[in-house]
């Protein structure tokens, strides 16, 4: 199965999927690195929470309000979770 996204579904400043929570990700993540960093990674909420804490502890990311962090985690785990590999025969 191949999922195609239209231009309206991709944020033109970050290249990330336009969905609820993207504004929070733009405000806290892509001010320091490109959206490509997010695209090449992937995981569940636990994975993304760990990434946020690494950014806070090692790279100076500020404290994020709990509700905002939850929106970010929902967005990231929904749109950038680990994807199953698809063979050419599927």
C-alpha atoms as a PDB file:
ATOM      1  CA  UNK A   1       0.000   0.000   0.000  1.00  0.00           C
ATOM      2  CA  UNK A   2       1.306   3.442  -0.896  1.00  0.00           C
ATOM      3  CA  UNK A   3       0.033   6.579   0.802  1.00  0.00           C
ATOM      4  CA  UNK A   4       0.136   9.712  -1.304  1.00  0.00           C
ATOM      5  CA  UNK A   5      -0.162  13.134   0.278  1.00  0.00           C
ATOM      6  CA  UNK A   6      -1.351  16.200  -1.536  1.00  0.00           C
ATOM      7  CA  UNK A   7       0.500  19.499  -1.322  1.00  0.00           C
ATOM      8  CA  UNK A   8      -2.172  20.799   1.066  1.00  0.00           C
ATOM      9  CA  UNK A   9      -1.313  18.041   3.538  1.00  0.00           C
ATOM     10  CA  UNK A  10       2.372  18.983   3.788  1.00  0.00           C
ATOM     11  CA  UNK A  11       3.505  22.111   5.607  1.00  0.00           C
ATOM     12  CA  UNK A  12       5.538  24.097   3.093  1.00  0.00           C
ATOM     13  CA  UNK A  13       7.936  25.570   5.666  1.00  0.00           C
ATOM     14  CA  UNK A  14       8.927  22.314   7.391  1.00  0.00           C
ATOM     15  CA  UNK A  15       8.014  19.544   4.965  1.00  0.00           C
ATOM     16  CA  UNK A  16       6.101  17.868   7.798  1.00  0.00           C
ATOM     17  CA  UNK A  17       2.604  16.434   7.652  1.00  0.00           C
ATOM     18  CA  UNK A  18      -0.029  19.096   8.370  1.00  0.00           C
ATOM     19  CA  UNK A  19      -2.044  17.811  11.313  1.00  0.00           C
ATOM     20  CA  UNK A  20      -3.144  18.807  14.804  1.00  0.00           C
ATOM     21  CA  UNK A  21      -0.037  19.483  16.887  1.00  0.00           C
ATOM     22  CA  UNK A  22       2.191  20.637  14.035  1.00  0.00           C
ATOM     23  CA  UNK A  23       2.173  24.200  15.376  1.00  0.00           C
ATOM     24  CA  UNK A  24       3.594  22.970  18.673  1.00  0.00           C
ATOM     25  CA  UNK A  25       6.305  21.003  16.866  1.00  0.00           C
ATOM     26  CA  UNK A  26       7.192  24.043  14.764  1.00  0.00           C
ATOM     27  CA  UNK A  27       7.353  26.225  17.876  1.00  0.00           C
ATOM     28  CA  UNK A  28       9.594  23.840  19.812  1.00  0.00           C
ATOM     29  CA  UNK A  29      11.469  21.620  17.360  1.00  0.00           C
ATOM     30  CA  UNK A  30      12.004  23.151  13.958  1.00  0.00           C
ATOM     31  CA  UNK A  31      13.287  26.431  15.374  1.00  0.00           C
ATOM     32  CA  UNK A  32      16.575  24.538  15.934  1.00  0.00           C
ATOM     33  CA  UNK A  33      16.585  21.778  13.317  1.00  0.00           C
ATOM     34  CA  UNK A  34      14.829  20.967  10.087  1.00  0.00           C
ATOM     35  CA  UNK A  35      11.779  18.783   9.757  1.00  0.00           C
ATOM     36  CA  UNK A  36      14.018  16.206   8.081  1.00  0.00           C
ATOM     37  CA  UNK A  37      15.363  15.243  11.518  1.00  0.00           C
ATOM     38  CA  UNK A  38      11.817  14.247  12.474  1.00  0.00           C
ATOM     39  CA  UNK A  39      11.097  12.462   9.194  1.00  0.00           C
ATOM     40  CA  UNK A  40      14.175  10.202   9.399  1.00  0.00           C
ATOM     41  CA  UNK A  41      13.391   9.209  12.983  1.00  0.00           C
ATOM     42  CA  UNK A  42      10.297   7.428  14.137  1.00  0.00           C
ATOM     43  CA  UNK A  43       8.749   5.797  17.120  1.00  0.00           C
ATOM     44  CA  UNK A  44       5.951   5.614  19.609  1.00  0.00           C
ATOM     45  CA  UNK A  45       5.161   8.191  22.294  1.00  0.00           C
ATOM     46  CA  UNK A  46       7.871   6.805  24.566  1.00  0.00           C
ATOM     47  CA  UNK A  47      10.476   7.214  21.800  1.00  0.00           C
ATOM     48  CA  UNK A  48       9.472  10.822  21.087  1.00  0.00           C
ATOM     49  CA  UNK A  49       9.270  11.719  24.790  1.00  0.00           C
ATOM     50  CA  UNK A  50      12.823  10.426  25.183  1.00  0.00           C
ATOM     51  CA  UNK A  51      13.922  12.539  22.181  1.00  0.00           C
ATOM     52  CA  UNK A  52      12.347  15.653  23.714  1.00  0.00           C
ATOM     53  CA  UNK A  53      14.117  15.023  27.023  1.00  0.00           C
ATOM     54  CA  UNK A  54      17.437  14.489  25.229  1.00  0.00           C
ATOM     55  CA  UNK A  55      16.947  17.817  23.455  1.00  0.00           C
ATOM     56  CA  UNK A  56      16.190  19.480  26.799  1.00  0.00           C
ATOM     57  CA  UNK A  57      19.080  17.923  28.718  1.00  0.00           C
ATOM     58  CA  UNK A  58      21.787  18.008  26.050  1.00  0.00           C
ATOM     59  CA  UNK A  59      20.856  20.797  23.644  1.00  0.00           C
ATOM     60  CA  UNK A  60      19.103  23.462  25.691  1.00  0.00           C
ATOM     61  CA  UNK A  61      15.488  22.935  24.656  1.00  0.00           C
ATOM     62  CA  UNK A  62      13.355  24.871  27.116  1.00  0.00           C
ATOM     63  CA  UNK A  63      10.749  23.393  29.454  1.00  0.00           C
ATOM     64  CA  UNK A  64       7.544  22.612  27.582  1.00  0.00           C
ATOM     65  CA  UNK A  65       4.119  22.871  29.187  1.00  0.00           C
ATOM     66  CA  UNK A  66       2.676  19.392  29.824  1.00  0.00           C
ATOM     67  CA  UNK A  67      -0.408  19.919  27.604  1.00  0.00           C
ATOM     68  CA  UNK A  68       1.757  21.192  24.754  1.00  0.00           C
ATOM     69  CA  UNK A  69       4.176  18.277  25.130  1.00  0.00           C
ATOM     70  CA  UNK A  70       1.235  15.862  24.981  1.00  0.00           C
ATOM     71  CA  UNK A  71       0.005  17.461  21.734  1.00  0.00           C
ATOM     72  CA  UNK A  72       3.513  17.142  20.298  1.00  0.00           C
ATOM     73  CA  UNK A  73       3.782  13.500  21.359  1.00  0.00           C
ATOM     74  CA  UNK A  74       0.382  12.718  19.832  1.00  0.00           C
ATOM     75  CA  UNK A  75       1.364  14.425  16.570  1.00  0.00           C
ATOM     76  CA  UNK A  76       4.798  12.790  16.349  1.00  0.00           C
ATOM     77  CA  UNK A  77       3.673   9.273  17.276  1.00  0.00           C
ATOM     78  CA  UNK A  78       0.704   9.465  14.886  1.00  0.00           C
ATOM     79  CA  UNK A  79       2.562  10.872  11.893  1.00  0.00           C
ATOM     80  CA  UNK A  80       6.149   9.722  12.469  1.00  0.00           C
ATOM     81  CA  UNK A  81       5.957   6.321  14.111  1.00  0.00           C
ATOM     82  CA  UNK A  82       8.089   3.441  12.948  1.00  0.00           C
ATOM     83  CA  UNK A  83       6.769   2.360   9.593  1.00  0.00           C
ATOM     84  CA  UNK A  84       6.660  -1.254   8.556  1.00  0.00           C
ATOM     85  CA  UNK A  85       8.880  -2.059   5.636  1.00  0.00           C
ATOM     86  CA  UNK A  86       6.960  -2.783   2.479  1.00  0.00           C
ATOM     87  CA  UNK A  87       8.294  -5.236  -0.045  1.00  0.00           C
ATOM     88  CA  UNK A  88       7.959  -4.566  -3.742  1.00  0.00           C
ATOM     89  CA  UNK A  89       5.495  -7.469  -3.997  1.00  0.00           C
ATOM     90  CA  UNK A  90       2.933  -5.935  -1.609  1.00  0.00           C
END
